[in-house]
Amino acid sequence: MIKLSELTKDNYTTGEVGRMLNLHPKTPYFWALRDEIKHIVVEGPKNRFLIPKDEVIRLLKTHQLLLEDDSRKDVIYARVSSHGQARNGDLDRQLVLDLEQASAYGLKGVELIKDIGSGLNTRRKGLLKLVEMVRNNEVSRVFISHKDRLTRFGFEYLQWFFEDHQTEIVVLEPDENKSPQEELVEDLLSLIASFSGRLYGIRAGDKKKLRQKIEEIQEEKC
């Protein structure tokens, strides 16, 4: 049996996969040669095949050799846009509410991650920590109140990355009542805020005021 937490590489050689499956090391090579499994071709004098981790997991599950160990934890991620909101207790209140709602899912090994910064900022400390934990196969589920708490744009890409590492994103309060027009307005506001920030960032004196105004607009739309 292979523990999920032991699969720390992005790609594996056909020999490694064969040994994990208790097969001849050449068997996965012939599978790849016949395009029967997902693989990456490494060109050279003699082409080699690498098997992506998600395909290795699929093969292990098919052969009932994957051990879904309990070492992975649930994470509750909360974010506000400004330090003022954090000082007012908005961040802590969001975290407490998320924790109450997520408890219905049967939490295990919970870790709380707080973040302060715009949802357009992809370099937030909390977000980078979360991504690194997911990449290291430490996270089973991520609980967020709304999609935009995690990111303003590109949620689908983060979701794909998390799913590729067997991590589920649970949105506790999905915005099911929003009309397409409301969603479009929010997206346009976020785009304007992003481009305005780059434009006025040239002027150091206006930068702080602009950032505060952008945060106000974003929080009004949350």
Protein backbone atom coordinates (compact mmCIF):
# COMPACT_ATOMS: atom_id res chain seq x y z
CA MET A 1 0.00 0.00 0.00
CA ILE A 2 1.15 3.54 -0.82
CA LYS A 3 0.20 6.47 1.41
CA LEU A 4 -1.11 9.53 -0.40
CA SER A 5 1.22 11.72 1.68
CA GLU A 6 4.20 9.76 0.31
CA LEU A 7 3.53 10.96 -3.23
CA THR A 8 5.57 14.14 -3.04
CA LYS A 9 6.85 14.37 -6.64
CA ASP A 10 5.00 15.86 -9.61
CA ASN A 11 6.07 13.07 -11.99
CA TYR A 12 7.31 9.50 -11.66
CA THR A 13 9.32 7.20 -13.91
CA THR A 14 7.63 4.14 -15.37
CA GLY A 15 9.93 1.97 -13.27
CA GLU A 16 8.84 3.69 -10.06
CA VAL A 17 5.18 3.28 -11.01
CA GLY A 18 5.71 -0.39 -11.82
CA ARG A 19 7.22 -1.04 -8.41
CA MET A 20 4.40 0.85 -6.66
CA LEU A 21 1.85 -1.30 -8.50
CA ASN A 22 3.78 -4.52 -7.80
CA LEU A 23 4.22 -5.03 -11.55
CA HIS A 24 7.20 -5.50 -13.82
CA PRO A 25 8.96 -2.11 -14.11
CA LYS A 26 8.49 -2.20 -17.90
CA THR A 27 4.70 -2.67 -17.76
CA PRO A 28 3.82 1.05 -17.24
CA TYR A 29 6.34 1.85 -20.02
CA PHE A 30 4.36 -0.26 -22.50
CA TRP A 31 1.10 1.28 -21.25
CA ALA A 32 2.49 4.72 -22.04
CA LEU A 33 3.89 3.50 -25.38
CA ARG A 34 0.37 2.39 -26.35
CA ASP A 35 -1.18 5.63 -24.99
CA GLU A 36 -3.18 3.67 -22.43
CA ILE A 37 -2.20 5.99 -19.58
CA LYS A 38 -1.49 9.71 -19.23
CA HIS A 39 2.20 10.41 -19.65
CA ILE A 40 4.86 12.99 -20.54
CA VAL A 41 7.42 12.27 -23.25
CA VAL A 42 11.02 13.18 -22.40
CA GLU A 43 12.76 13.31 -25.76
CA GLY A 44 16.29 12.02 -26.19
CA PRO A 45 18.28 9.34 -28.02
CA LYS A 46 15.76 6.96 -26.46
CA ASN A 47 12.49 8.59 -25.46
CA ARG A 48 11.54 8.24 -21.81
CA PHE A 49 8.09 8.47 -20.26
CA LEU A 50 7.15 10.20 -17.02
CA ILE A 51 3.80 9.56 -15.32
CA PRO A 52 2.12 12.61 -13.66
CA LYS A 53 1.17 12.24 -10.02
CA ASP A 54 -2.58 12.44 -10.65
CA GLU A 55 -2.28 9.47 -13.05
CA VAL A 56 -0.22 7.54 -10.50
CA ILE A 57 -2.96 8.15 -7.93
CA ARG A 58 -5.59 6.94 -10.39
CA LEU A 59 -3.61 3.77 -11.09
CA LEU A 60 -3.06 3.11 -7.38
CA LYS A 61 -6.78 3.54 -6.72
CA THR A 62 -7.64 1.21 -9.62
CA HIS A 63 -5.35 -1.46 -8.17
CA GLN A 64 -6.61 -0.72 -4.62
CA LEU A 65 -3.11 0.16 -3.47
CA LEU A 66 -3.67 3.74 -2.31
CA LEU A 67 -3.92 4.37 1.40
CA GLU A 68 -5.87 7.58 2.10
CA ASP A 69 -4.07 8.35 5.35
CA ASP A 70 -5.57 10.67 7.96
CA SER A 71 -2.54 12.92 8.30
CA ARG A 72 -4.01 15.61 6.07
CA LYS A 73 -5.93 18.41 7.74
CA ASP A 74 -8.83 20.75 7.05
CA VAL A 75 -8.07 24.44 6.63
CA ILE A 76 -10.39 27.39 7.23
CA TYR A 77 -9.22 30.41 5.24
CA ALA A 78 -10.49 33.92 5.98
CA ARG A 79 -9.50 37.25 4.44
CA VAL A 80 -10.26 40.95 4.78
CA SER A 81 -8.88 43.70 2.55
CA SER A 82 -7.44 46.12 5.12
CA HIS A 83 -5.78 46.25 8.52
CA GLY A 84 -8.57 48.59 9.64
CA GLN A 85 -11.14 45.85 9.05
CA ALA A 86 -8.94 43.41 10.97
CA ARG A 87 -8.67 45.87 13.90
CA ASN A 88 -12.47 46.25 13.87
CA GLY A 89 -12.79 42.51 14.37
CA ASP A 90 -14.15 41.69 10.89
CA LEU A 91 -11.49 39.05 10.28
CA ASP A 92 -12.05 37.26 13.58
CA ARG A 93 -15.84 37.36 13.14
CA GLN A 94 -15.51 35.89 9.66
CA LEU A 95 -13.28 33.13 11.00
CA VAL A 96 -15.65 32.26 13.85
CA LEU A 97 -18.65 32.13 11.51
CA ASP A 98 -16.75 29.96 9.02
CA LEU A 99 -15.69 27.62 11.81
CA GLU A 100 -19.29 27.27 13.02
CA GLN A 101 -20.57 26.48 9.52
CA ALA A 102 -17.69 24.15 8.66
CA SER A 103 -18.18 22.11 11.84
CA ALA A 104 -21.21 20.51 10.18
CA TYR A 105 -18.80 18.79 7.76
CA GLY A 106 -16.96 16.91 10.50
CA LEU A 107 -13.65 18.75 10.72
CA LYS A 108 -10.34 17.03 11.37
CA GLY A 109 -7.00 18.52 12.36
CA VAL A 110 -8.22 22.06 11.69
CA GLU A 111 -5.80 24.88 10.88
CA LEU A 112 -6.96 28.50 10.68
CA ILE A 113 -5.33 30.83 8.16
CA LYS A 114 -5.93 34.57 8.35
CA ASP A 115 -5.06 36.93 5.52
CA ILE A 116 -5.11 40.70 5.09
CA GLY A 117 -4.95 42.13 1.58
CA SER A 118 -6.81 42.62 -1.66
CA GLY A 119 -8.31 39.61 -3.37
CA LEU A 120 -6.41 40.78 -6.46
CA ASN A 121 -3.08 40.31 -4.65
CA THR A 122 -1.74 36.85 -5.46
CA ARG A 123 1.25 37.28 -3.11
CA ARG A 124 -0.69 37.31 0.15
CA LYS A 125 1.19 35.51 2.92
CA GLY A 126 -1.78 33.40 3.95
CA LEU A 127 -2.61 32.40 0.38
CA LEU A 128 1.01 31.45 -0.36
CA LYS A 129 1.11 29.38 2.82
CA LEU A 130 -2.12 27.60 1.84
CA VAL A 131 -0.89 26.85 -1.69
CA GLU A 132 2.37 25.46 -0.32
CA MET A 133 0.47 23.22 2.12
CA VAL A 134 -1.74 21.93 -0.70
CA ARG A 135 1.30 21.32 -2.90
CA ASN A 136 2.82 19.25 -0.08
CA ASN A 137 -0.37 17.15 0.21
CA GLU A 138 -1.07 18.42 3.75
CA VAL A 139 -4.64 19.61 3.15
CA SER A 140 -7.81 17.58 2.72
CA ARG A 141 -10.36 20.42 2.46
CA VAL A 142 -10.30 24.22 2.37
CA PHE A 143 -13.32 26.05 3.78
CA ILE A 144 -14.08 29.62 2.65
CA SER A 145 -17.16 31.79 3.09
CA HIS A 146 -17.21 33.01 -0.54
CA LYS A 147 -15.09 32.36 -3.62
CA ASP A 148 -13.70 35.89 -3.61
CA ARG A 149 -12.24 35.42 -0.13
CA LEU A 150 -9.68 33.16 -1.82
CA THR A 151 -9.21 35.24 -4.98
CA ARG A 152 -11.02 37.86 -7.06
CA PHE A 153 -9.99 36.30 -10.36
CA GLY A 154 -8.79 32.89 -11.44
CA PHE A 155 -10.73 30.87 -8.87
CA GLU A 156 -11.12 28.05 -11.40
CA TYR A 157 -7.33 27.79 -11.77
CA LEU A 158 -6.83 27.52 -8.02
CA GLN A 159 -9.62 24.97 -7.84
CA TRP A 160 -7.99 22.90 -10.58
CA PHE A 161 -4.63 23.05 -8.79
CA PHE A 162 -6.18 22.03 -5.47
CA GLU A 163 -8.15 19.19 -7.04
CA ASP A 164 -4.97 17.98 -8.75
CA HIS A 165 -3.60 17.53 -5.21
CA GLN A 166 -6.82 15.87 -3.97
CA THR A 167 -7.86 18.96 -2.00
CA GLU A 168 -11.51 20.01 -2.02
CA ILE A 169 -12.61 23.66 -1.79
CA VAL A 170 -15.82 24.01 0.20
CA VAL A 171 -17.67 27.33 -0.31
CA LEU A 172 -19.81 27.78 2.78
CA GLU A 173 -22.02 30.57 1.43
CA PRO A 174 -22.26 30.18 -2.36
CA ASP A 175 -23.62 33.26 -4.11
CA GLU A 176 -26.53 31.41 -5.67
CA ASN A 177 -28.85 34.43 -5.64
CA LYS A 178 -26.60 36.69 -7.68
CA SER A 179 -27.81 37.51 -11.16
CA PRO A 180 -25.41 37.40 -14.13
CA GLN A 181 -25.64 41.22 -14.22
CA GLU A 182 -24.53 41.52 -10.58
CA GLU A 183 -21.61 39.18 -11.15
CA LEU A 184 -20.58 41.16 -14.24
CA VAL A 185 -20.66 44.45 -12.30
CA GLU A 186 -18.46 42.96 -9.58
CA ASP A 187 -15.97 41.69 -12.16
CA LEU A 188 -15.86 45.09 -13.88
CA LEU A 189 -15.29 46.89 -10.56
CA SER A 190 -12.45 44.54 -9.73
CA LEU A 191 -10.88 45.10 -13.15
CA ILE A 192 -11.14 48.87 -12.80
CA ALA A 193 -9.60 48.65 -9.34
CA SER A 194 -6.74 46.52 -10.63
CA PHE A 195 -5.82 48.74 -13.58
CA SER A 196 -6.33 51.92 -11.57
CA GLY A 197 -3.95 50.62 -8.94
CA ARG A 198 -1.25 50.09 -11.54
CA LEU A 199 -1.81 53.50 -13.11
CA TYR A 200 -1.85 55.54 -9.92
CA GLY A 201 0.85 53.45 -8.33
CA ILE A 202 3.27 55.69 -10.20
CA ARG A 203 2.22 58.56 -7.96
CA ALA A 204 3.43 57.71 -4.49
CA GLY A 205 1.30 60.39 -2.84
CA ASP A 206 -1.94 59.05 -4.30
CA LYS A 207 -1.18 55.37 -3.80
CA LYS A 208 -2.44 55.05 -0.23
CA LYS A 209 -5.68 56.96 -0.90
CA LEU A 210 -6.38 54.92 -4.02
CA ARG A 211 -5.78 51.64 -2.23
CA GLN A 212 -8.20 52.62 0.52
CA LYS A 213 -10.87 53.59 -2.03
CA ILE A 214 -10.44 50.32 -3.91
CA GLU A 215 -10.78 48.34 -0.68
CA GLU A 216 -13.98 50.21 0.17
CA ILE A 217 -15.48 49.40 -3.24
CA GLN A 218 -14.50 45.75 -2.97
CA GLU A 219 -15.88 45.30 0.53
CA GLU A 220 -19.17 46.95 -0.38
CA LYS A 221 -19.60 44.31 -3.09
CA CYS A 222 -18.74 41.33 -0.89
